[in-house]
């Protein structure tokens, strides 16, 4: 999966958390996800609309790691700043 910044999306696995040296964001997201479904839940039991609703709810929930902004706000700000034209070339 790729996002608009043309960077590969990463999965939160033990290996990637350890490699980055910061497990907290992934573990926090895992904990939030567990509010909607227990670990080991068969995702085929959910409709795409239900999964989209869970993702929308999580992406619109303010997070301490984002200075109490939502992940959606942080992503939108990142996209906007990456598409800024240069102010001027002198």
PDB file of N, CA and C in Angstrom:
ATOM      1  N   UNK A   1       0.834  -1.172   0.000  1.00  0.00           N
ATOM      2  CA  UNK A   1       0.000   0.000   0.000  1.00  0.00           C
ATOM      3  C   UNK A   1       0.882   1.239   0.000  1.00  0.00           C
ATOM      4  N   UNK A   2       0.524   2.244  -0.778  1.00  0.00           N
ATOM      5  CA  UNK A   2       1.267   3.494  -0.828  1.00  0.00           C
ATOM      6  C   UNK A   2       0.319   4.644  -0.510  1.00  0.00           C
ATOM      7  N   UNK A   3       0.874   5.695   0.060  1.00  0.00           N
ATOM      8  CA  UNK A   3       0.090   6.887   0.346  1.00  0.00           C
ATOM      9  C   UNK A   3       0.517   7.985  -0.609  1.00  0.00           C
ATOM     10  N   UNK A   4      -0.143   9.110  -0.559  1.00  0.00           N
ATOM     11  CA  UNK A   4       0.089  10.185  -1.510  1.00  0.00           C
ATOM     12  C   UNK A   4       1.517  10.716  -1.501  1.00  0.00           C
ATOM     13  N   UNK A   5       2.255  10.484  -0.446  1.00  0.00           N
ATOM     14  CA  UNK A   5       3.628  10.973  -0.390  1.00  0.00           C
ATOM     15  C   UNK A   5       4.592  10.017  -1.097  1.00  0.00           C
ATOM     16  N   UNK A   6       4.043   8.979  -1.711  1.00  0.00           N
ATOM     17  CA  UNK A   6       4.829   7.985  -2.448  1.00  0.00           C
ATOM     18  C   UNK A   6       5.875   7.312  -1.568  1.00  0.00           C
ATOM     19  N   UNK A   7       5.482   7.030  -0.363  1.00  0.00           N
ATOM     20  CA  UNK A   7       6.325   6.297   0.570  1.00  0.00           C
ATOM     21  C   UNK A   7       5.573   5.035   0.941  1.00  0.00           C
ATOM     22  N   UNK A   8       6.258   3.940   1.103  1.00  0.00           N
ATOM     23  CA  UNK A   8       5.541   2.719   1.480  1.00  0.00           C
ATOM     24  C   UNK A   8       4.951   2.846   2.881  1.00  0.00           C
ATOM     25  N   UNK A   9       3.747   2.354   3.039  1.00  0.00           N
ATOM     26  CA  UNK A   9       3.127   2.335   4.357  1.00  0.00           C
ATOM     27  C   UNK A   9       3.751   1.193   5.146  1.00  0.00           C
ATOM     28  N   UNK A  10       3.927   1.399   6.435  1.00  0.00           N
ATOM     29  CA  UNK A  10       4.560   0.348   7.234  1.00  0.00           C
ATOM     30  C   UNK A  10       3.534  -0.303   8.131  1.00  0.00           C
ATOM     31  N   UNK A  11       3.806  -1.529   8.488  1.00  0.00           N
ATOM     32  CA  UNK A  11       2.963  -2.260   9.423  1.00  0.00           C
ATOM     33  C   UNK A  11       3.612  -2.208  10.788  1.00  0.00           C
ATOM     34  N   UNK A  12       2.798  -2.205  11.822  1.00  0.00           N
ATOM     35  CA  UNK A  12       3.309  -2.219  13.188  1.00  0.00           C
ATOM     36  C   UNK A  12       3.552  -3.662  13.600  1.00  0.00           C
ATOM     37  N   UNK A  13       4.775  -4.112  13.439  1.00  0.00           N
ATOM     38  CA  UNK A  13       5.140  -5.450  13.882  1.00  0.00           C
ATOM     39  C   UNK A  13       6.223  -5.315  14.939  1.00  0.00           C
ATOM     40  N   UNK A  14       6.457  -6.368  15.681  1.00  0.00           N
ATOM     41  CA  UNK A  14       7.499  -6.328  16.705  1.00  0.00           C
ATOM     42  C   UNK A  14       8.837  -5.956  16.102  1.00  0.00           C
ATOM     43  N   UNK A  15       9.152  -6.523  14.944  1.00  0.00           N
ATOM     44  CA  UNK A  15      10.446  -6.243  14.308  1.00  0.00           C
ATOM     45  C   UNK A  15      10.581  -4.780  13.918  1.00  0.00           C
ATOM     46  N   UNK A  16       9.520  -4.184  13.348  1.00  0.00           N
ATOM     47  CA  UNK A  16       9.628  -2.777  12.945  1.00  0.00           C
ATOM     48  C   UNK A  16       9.662  -1.865  14.157  1.00  0.00           C
ATOM     49  N   UNK A  17       8.942  -2.218  15.209  1.00  0.00           N
ATOM     50  CA  UNK A  17       8.974  -1.382  16.420  1.00  0.00           C
ATOM     51  C   UNK A  17      10.366  -1.391  17.033  1.00  0.00           C
ATOM     52  N   UNK A  18      10.956  -2.562  17.122  1.00  0.00           N
ATOM     53  CA  UNK A  18      12.284  -2.671  17.711  1.00  0.00           C
ATOM     54  C   UNK A  18      13.313  -1.968  16.835  1.00  0.00           C
ATOM     55  N   UNK A  19      13.206  -2.142  15.518  1.00  0.00           N
ATOM     56  CA  UNK A  19      14.162  -1.527  14.598  1.00  0.00           C
ATOM     57  C   UNK A  19      14.121  -0.005  14.700  1.00  0.00           C
ATOM     58  N   UNK A  20      12.942   0.562  14.890  1.00  0.00           N
ATOM     59  CA  UNK A  20      12.823   2.015  15.008  1.00  0.00           C
ATOM     60  C   UNK A  20      13.158   2.490  16.413  1.00  0.00           C
ATOM     61  N   UNK A  21      13.116   1.591  17.374  1.00  0.00           N
ATOM     62  CA  UNK A  21      13.440   1.963  18.744  1.00  0.00           C
ATOM     63  C   UNK A  21      12.323   2.679  19.475  1.00  0.00           C
ATOM     64  N   UNK A  22      11.122   2.695  18.918  1.00  0.00           N
ATOM     65  CA  UNK A  22      10.015   3.384  19.567  1.00  0.00           C
ATOM     66  C   UNK A  22       8.741   2.581  19.356  1.00  0.00           C
ATOM     67  N   UNK A  23       8.385   1.785  20.330  1.00  0.00           N
ATOM     68  CA  UNK A  23       7.217   0.922  20.210  1.00  0.00           C
ATOM     69  C   UNK A  23       5.928   1.630  20.629  1.00  0.00           C
ATOM     70  N   UNK A  24       6.018   2.741  21.330  1.00  0.00           N
ATOM     71  CA  UNK A  24       4.831   3.372  21.913  1.00  0.00           C
ATOM     72  C   UNK A  24       3.737   3.719  20.906  1.00  0.00           C
ATOM     73  N   UNK A  25       4.025   4.378  19.770  1.00  0.00           N
ATOM     74  CA  UNK A  25       2.923   4.724  18.854  1.00  0.00           C
ATOM     75  C   UNK A  25       2.166   3.507  18.339  1.00  0.00           C
ATOM     76  N   UNK A  26       2.876   2.447  17.984  1.00  0.00           N
ATOM     77  CA  UNK A  26       2.202   1.243  17.493  1.00  0.00           C
ATOM     78  C   UNK A  26       1.390   0.587  18.606  1.00  0.00           C
ATOM     79  N   UNK A  27       1.950   0.528  19.782  1.00  0.00           N
ATOM     80  CA  UNK A  27       1.235  -0.096  20.894  1.00  0.00           C
ATOM     81  C   UNK A  27       0.012   0.717  21.274  1.00  0.00           C
ATOM     82  N   UNK A  28       0.100   2.034  21.188  1.00  0.00           N
ATOM     83  CA  UNK A  28      -1.052   2.882  21.471  1.00  0.00           C
ATOM     84  C   UNK A  28      -2.154   2.625  20.445  1.00  0.00           C
ATOM     85  N   UNK A  29      -1.780   2.547  19.182  1.00  0.00           N
ATOM     86  CA  UNK A  29      -2.762   2.285  18.130  1.00  0.00           C
ATOM     87  C   UNK A  29      -3.384   0.903  18.325  1.00  0.00           C
ATOM     88  N   UNK A  30      -2.568  -0.077  18.672  1.00  0.00           N
ATOM     89  CA  UNK A  30      -3.094  -1.418  18.940  1.00  0.00           C
ATOM     90  C   UNK A  30      -4.123  -1.370  20.071  1.00  0.00           C
ATOM     91  N   UNK A  31      -3.809  -0.619  21.120  1.00  0.00           N
ATOM     92  CA  UNK A  31      -4.729  -0.502  22.253  1.00  0.00           C
ATOM     93  C   UNK A  31      -6.043   0.151  21.855  1.00  0.00           C
ATOM     94  N   UNK A  32      -5.965   1.183  21.020  1.00  0.00           N
ATOM     95  CA  UNK A  32      -7.189   1.843  20.552  1.00  0.00           C
ATOM     96  C   UNK A  32      -8.015   0.896  19.694  1.00  0.00           C
ATOM     97  N   UNK A  33      -7.342   0.135  18.845  1.00  0.00           N
ATOM     98  CA  UNK A  33      -8.033  -0.816  17.984  1.00  0.00           C
ATOM     99  C   UNK A  33      -8.748  -1.884  18.799  1.00  0.00           C
ATOM    100  N   UNK A  34      -8.152  -2.274  19.929  1.00  0.00           N
ATOM    101  CA  UNK A  34      -8.753  -3.299  20.787  1.00  0.00           C
ATOM    102  C   UNK A  34     -10.070  -2.824  21.405  1.00  0.00           C
ATOM    103  N   UNK A  35     -10.320  -1.505  21.397  1.00  0.00           N
ATOM    104  CA  UNK A  35     -11.613  -1.008  21.881  1.00  0.00           C
ATOM    105  C   UNK A  35     -12.734  -1.412  20.925  1.00  0.00           C
ATOM    106  N   UNK A  36     -12.381  -1.677  19.673  1.00  0.00           N
ATOM    107  CA  UNK A  36     -13.370  -2.049  18.672  1.00  0.00           C
ATOM    108  C   UNK A  36     -13.432  -3.552  18.432  1.00  0.00           C
ATOM    109  N   UNK A  37     -12.294  -4.228  18.596  1.00  0.00           N
ATOM    110  CA  UNK A  37     -12.262  -5.676  18.361  1.00  0.00           C
ATOM    111  C   UNK A  37     -11.135  -6.304  19.169  1.00  0.00           C
ATOM    112  N   UNK A  38     -11.400  -7.432  19.805  1.00  0.00           N
ATOM    113  CA  UNK A  38     -10.347  -8.095  20.582  1.00  0.00           C
ATOM    114  C   UNK A  38      -9.256  -8.656  19.673  1.00  0.00           C
ATOM    115  N   UNK A  39      -8.087  -8.859  20.253  1.00  0.00           N
ATOM    116  CA  UNK A  39      -6.970  -9.443  19.519  1.00  0.00           C
ATOM    117  C   UNK A  39      -7.385 -10.801  18.954  1.00  0.00           C
ATOM    118  N   UNK A  40      -7.008 -11.040  17.712  1.00  0.00           N
ATOM    119  CA  UNK A  40      -7.331 -12.313  17.067  1.00  0.00           C
ATOM    120  C   UNK A  40      -8.690 -12.346  16.399  1.00  0.00           C
ATOM    121  N   UNK A  41      -9.396 -11.210  16.382  1.00  0.00           N
ATOM    122  CA  UNK A  41     -10.714 -11.153  15.758  1.00  0.00           C
ATOM    123  C   UNK A  41     -10.605 -11.448  14.267  1.00  0.00           C
ATOM    124  N   UNK A  42     -11.522 -12.233  13.755  1.00  0.00           N
ATOM    125  CA  UNK A  42     -11.586 -12.533  12.329  1.00  0.00           C
ATOM    126  C   UNK A  42     -12.193 -11.329  11.612  1.00  0.00           C
ATOM    127  N   UNK A  43     -11.364 -10.613  10.834  1.00  0.00           N
ATOM    128  CA  UNK A  43     -11.841  -9.402  10.165  1.00  0.00           C
ATOM    129  C   UNK A  43     -12.897  -9.687   9.098  1.00  0.00           C
ATOM    130  N   UNK A  44     -12.982 -10.931   8.655  1.00  0.00           N
ATOM    131  CA  UNK A  44     -13.997 -11.264   7.651  1.00  0.00           C
ATOM    132  C   UNK A  44     -15.410 -11.189   8.233  1.00  0.00           C
ATOM    133  N   UNK A  45     -15.509 -11.094   9.558  1.00  0.00           N
ATOM    134  CA  UNK A  45     -16.815 -10.958  10.198  1.00  0.00           C
ATOM    135  C   UNK A  45     -17.362  -9.535  10.084  1.00  0.00           C
ATOM    136  N   UNK A  46     -16.510  -8.592   9.674  1.00  0.00           N
ATOM    137  CA  UNK A  46     -16.902  -7.195   9.558  1.00  0.00           C
ATOM    138  C   UNK A  46     -17.129  -6.838   8.092  1.00  0.00           C
ATOM    139  N   UNK A  47     -18.119  -5.995   7.846  1.00  0.00           N
ATOM    140  CA  UNK A  47     -18.322  -5.484   6.486  1.00  0.00           C
ATOM    141  C   UNK A  47     -17.290  -4.391   6.226  1.00  0.00           C
ATOM    142  N   UNK A  48     -17.087  -4.052   4.956  1.00  0.00           N
ATOM    143  CA  UNK A  48     -16.155  -2.974   4.628  1.00  0.00           C
ATOM    144  C   UNK A  48     -16.624  -1.659   5.238  1.00  0.00           C
ATOM    145  N   UNK A  49     -17.941  -1.437   5.276  1.00  0.00           N
ATOM    146  CA  UNK A  49     -18.471  -0.211   5.890  1.00  0.00           C
ATOM    147  C   UNK A  49     -18.135  -0.151   7.378  1.00  0.00           C
ATOM    148  N   UNK A  50     -18.210  -1.295   8.064  1.00  0.00           N
ATOM    149  CA  UNK A  50     -17.870  -1.322   9.491  1.00  0.00           C
ATOM    150  C   UNK A  50     -16.382  -1.033   9.697  1.00  0.00           C
ATOM    151  N   UNK A  51     -15.528  -1.635   8.871  1.00  0.00           N
ATOM    152  CA  UNK A  51     -14.084  -1.390   8.983  1.00  0.00           C
ATOM    153  C   UNK A  51     -13.758   0.066   8.653  1.00  0.00           C
ATOM    154  N   UNK A  52     -14.420   0.621   7.643  1.00  0.00           N
ATOM    155  CA  UNK A  52     -14.215   2.030   7.301  1.00  0.00           C
ATOM    156  C   UNK A  52     -14.646   2.934   8.447  1.00  0.00           C
ATOM    157  N   UNK A  53     -15.728   2.570   9.124  1.00  0.00           N
ATOM    158  CA  UNK A  53     -16.198   3.349  10.264  1.00  0.00           C
ATOM    159  C   UNK A  53     -15.198   3.333  11.420  1.00  0.00           C
ATOM    160  N   UNK A  54     -14.604   2.172  11.667  1.00  0.00           N
ATOM    161  CA  UNK A  54     -13.585   2.058  12.722  1.00  0.00           C
ATOM    162  C   UNK A  54     -12.376   2.913  12.351  1.00  0.00           C
ATOM    163  N   UNK A  55     -11.925   2.820  11.102  1.00  0.00           N
ATOM    164  CA  UNK A  55     -10.773   3.614  10.654  1.00  0.00           C
ATOM    165  C   UNK A  55     -11.079   5.104  10.753  1.00  0.00           C
ATOM    166  N   UNK A  56     -12.276   5.503  10.349  1.00  0.00           N
ATOM    167  CA  UNK A  56     -12.659   6.914  10.415  1.00  0.00           C
ATOM    168  C   UNK A  56     -12.677   7.397  11.859  1.00  0.00           C
ATOM    169  N   UNK A  57     -13.217   6.588  12.744  1.00  0.00           N
ATOM    170  CA  UNK A  57     -13.269   6.948  14.157  1.00  0.00           C
ATOM    171  C   UNK A  57     -11.861   7.105  14.735  1.00  0.00           C
ATOM    172  N   UNK A  58     -10.971   6.173  14.409  1.00  0.00           N
ATOM    173  CA  UNK A  58      -9.597   6.240  14.925  1.00  0.00           C
ATOM    174  C   UNK A  58      -8.830   7.413  14.326  1.00  0.00           C
ATOM    175  N   UNK A  59      -9.066   7.723  13.054  1.00  0.00           N
ATOM    176  CA  UNK A  59      -8.349   8.818  12.405  1.00  0.00           C
ATOM    177  C   UNK A  59      -8.851  10.196  12.815  1.00  0.00           C
ATOM    178  N   UNK A  60     -10.011  10.237  13.466  1.00  0.00           N
ATOM    179  CA  UNK A  60     -10.561  11.513  13.925  1.00  0.00           C
ATOM    180  C   UNK A  60     -10.508  11.656  15.443  1.00  0.00           C
ATOM    181  N   UNK A  61      -9.722  10.817  16.082  1.00  0.00           N
ATOM    182  CA  UNK A  61      -9.573  10.857  17.544  1.00  0.00           C
ATOM    183  C   UNK A  61      -8.264  11.576  17.883  1.00  0.00           C
ATOM    184  N   UNK A  62      -8.317  12.668  18.644  1.00  0.00           N
ATOM    185  CA  UNK A  62      -7.078  13.377  19.011  1.00  0.00           C
ATOM    186  C   UNK A  62      -6.120  12.458  19.767  1.00  0.00           C
ATOM    187  N   UNK A  63      -4.831  12.650  19.525  1.00  0.00           N
ATOM    188  CA  UNK A  63      -3.804  11.815  20.157  1.00  0.00           C
ATOM    189  C   UNK A  63      -2.772  12.687  20.858  1.00  0.00           C
ATOM    190  N   UNK A  64      -2.343  12.263  22.017  1.00  0.00           N
ATOM    191  CA  UNK A  64      -1.298  12.982  22.751  1.00  0.00           C
ATOM    192  C   UNK A  64      -0.018  13.057  21.926  1.00  0.00           C
ATOM    193  N   UNK A  65       0.277  11.988  21.173  1.00  0.00           N
ATOM    194  CA  UNK A  65       1.510  11.967  20.367  1.00  0.00           C
ATOM    195  C   UNK A  65       1.488  12.989  19.244  1.00  0.00           C
ATOM    196  N   UNK A  66       0.309  13.549  18.944  1.00  0.00           N
ATOM    197  CA  UNK A  66       0.186  14.583  17.905  1.00  0.00           C
ATOM    198  C   UNK A  66      -0.217  15.925  18.515  1.00  0.00           C
ATOM    199  N   UNK A  67       0.197  16.171  19.751  1.00  0.00           N
ATOM    200  CA  UNK A  67      -0.156  17.416  20.460  1.00  0.00           C
ATOM    201  C   UNK A  67      -1.675  17.636  20.450  1.00  0.00           C
ATOM    202  N   UNK A  68      -2.402  16.574  20.642  1.00  0.00           N
ATOM    203  CA  UNK A  68      -3.862  16.551  20.716  1.00  0.00           C
ATOM    204  C   UNK A  68      -4.539  16.954  19.409  1.00  0.00           C
ATOM    205  N   UNK A  69      -3.843  16.749  18.299  1.00  0.00           N
ATOM    206  CA  UNK A  69      -4.469  16.857  16.983  1.00  0.00           C
ATOM    207  C   UNK A  69      -4.836  15.444  16.551  1.00  0.00           C
ATOM    208  N   UNK A  70      -5.734  15.336  15.593  1.00  0.00           N
ATOM    209  CA  UNK A  70      -6.109  14.017  15.096  1.00  0.00           C
ATOM    210  C   UNK A  70      -5.099  13.559  14.050  1.00  0.00           C
ATOM    211  N   UNK A  71      -4.975  12.248  13.844  1.00  0.00           N
ATOM    212  CA  UNK A  71      -4.100  11.773  12.775  1.00  0.00           C
ATOM    213  C   UNK A  71      -4.494  12.352  11.421  1.00  0.00           C
ATOM    214  N   UNK A  72      -5.788  12.533  11.191  1.00  0.00           N
ATOM    215  CA  UNK A  72      -6.254  13.108   9.930  1.00  0.00           C
ATOM    216  C   UNK A  72      -5.753  14.543   9.766  1.00  0.00           C
ATOM    217  N   UNK A  73      -5.777  15.326  10.836  1.00  0.00           N
ATOM    218  CA  UNK A  73      -5.263  16.706  10.781  1.00  0.00           C
ATOM    219  C   UNK A  73      -3.765  16.718  10.499  1.00  0.00           C
ATOM    220  N   UNK A  74      -3.035  15.844  11.155  1.00  0.00           N
ATOM    221  CA  UNK A  74      -1.581  15.783  10.962  1.00  0.00           C
ATOM    222  C   UNK A  74      -1.262  15.372   9.527  1.00  0.00           C
ATOM    223  N   UNK A  75      -1.979  14.391   9.010  1.00  0.00           N
ATOM    224  CA  UNK A  75      -1.763  13.934   7.636  1.00  0.00           C
ATOM    225  C   UNK A  75      -2.078  15.051   6.641  1.00  0.00           C
ATOM    226  N   UNK A  76      -3.205  15.746   6.847  1.00  0.00           N
ATOM    227  CA  UNK A  76      -3.585  16.837   5.952  1.00  0.00           C
ATOM    228  C   UNK A  76      -2.544  17.954   5.979  1.00  0.00           C
ATOM    229  N   UNK A  77      -2.040  18.277   7.162  1.00  0.00           N
ATOM    230  CA  UNK A  77      -1.013  19.314   7.282  1.00  0.00           C
ATOM    231  C   UNK A  77       0.265  18.883   6.568  1.00  0.00           C
ATOM    232  N   UNK A  78       0.628  17.615   6.698  1.00  0.00           N
ATOM    233  CA  UNK A  78       1.823  17.098   6.031  1.00  0.00           C
ATOM    234  C   UNK A  78       1.670  17.179   4.513  1.00  0.00           C
ATOM    235  N   UNK A  79       0.509  16.790   4.012  1.00  0.00           N
ATOM    236  CA  UNK A  79       0.269  16.881   2.569  1.00  0.00           C
ATOM    237  C   UNK A  79       0.324  18.323   2.085  1.00  0.00           C
ATOM    238  N   UNK A  80      -0.305  19.216   2.836  1.00  0.00           N
ATOM    239  CA  UNK A  80      -0.328  20.625   2.433  1.00  0.00           C
ATOM    240  C   UNK A  80       1.068  21.217   2.407  1.00  0.00           C
ATOM    241  N   UNK A  81       1.881  20.884   3.392  1.00  0.00           N
ATOM    242  CA  UNK A  81       3.226  21.457   3.441  1.00  0.00           C
ATOM    243  C   UNK A  81       4.138  20.848   2.380  1.00  0.00           C
ATOM    244  N   UNK A  82       3.855  19.625   1.957  1.00  0.00           N
ATOM    245  CA  UNK A  82       4.705  19.003   0.932  1.00  0.00           C
ATOM    246  C   UNK A  82       4.355  19.489  -0.461  1.00  0.00           C
ATOM    247  N   UNK A  83       3.235  20.170  -0.620  1.00  0.00           N
ATOM    248  CA  UNK A  83       2.821  20.667  -1.932  1.00  0.00           C
ATOM    249  C   UNK A  83       2.935  22.187  -2.044  1.00  0.00           C
ATOM    250  N   UNK A  84       3.651  22.799  -1.116  1.00  0.00           N
ATOM    251  CA  UNK A  84       3.840  24.249  -1.153  1.00  0.00           C
ATOM    252  C   UNK A  84       4.835  24.600  -2.260  1.00  0.00           C
ATOM    253  N   UNK A  85       4.485  25.518  -3.147  1.00  0.00           N
ATOM    254  CA  UNK A  85       5.459  25.950  -4.144  1.00  0.00           C
ATOM    255  C   UNK A  85       6.560  26.777  -3.476  1.00  0.00           C
ATOM    256  N   UNK A  86       7.746  26.796  -4.043  1.00  0.00           N
ATOM    257  CA  UNK A  86       8.803  27.624  -3.455  1.00  0.00           C
ATOM    258  C   UNK A  86       8.364  29.087  -3.418  1.00  0.00           C
ATOM    259  N   UNK A  87       8.743  29.798  -2.345  1.00  0.00           N
ATOM    260  CA  UNK A  87       8.318  31.186  -2.207  1.00  0.00           C
ATOM    261  C   UNK A  87       8.869  32.044  -3.346  1.00  0.00           C
ATOM    262  N   UNK A  88      10.136  31.965  -3.577  1.00  0.00           N
ATOM    263  CA  UNK A  88      10.717  32.665  -4.716  1.00  0.00           C
ATOM    264  C   UNK A  88      12.137  32.162  -4.902  1.00  0.00           C
ATOM    265  N   UNK A  89      12.595  32.269  -6.106  1.00  0.00           N
ATOM    266  CA  UNK A  89      13.971  31.884  -6.400  1.00  0.00           C
ATOM    267  C   UNK A  89      14.739  33.160  -6.677  1.00  0.00           C
ATOM    268  N   UNK A  90      15.755  33.417  -5.865  1.00  0.00           N
ATOM    269  CA  UNK A  90      16.513  34.658  -6.043  1.00  0.00           C
ATOM    270  C   UNK A  90      17.957  34.377  -6.258  1.00  0.00           C
TER     271      UNK A  90
END
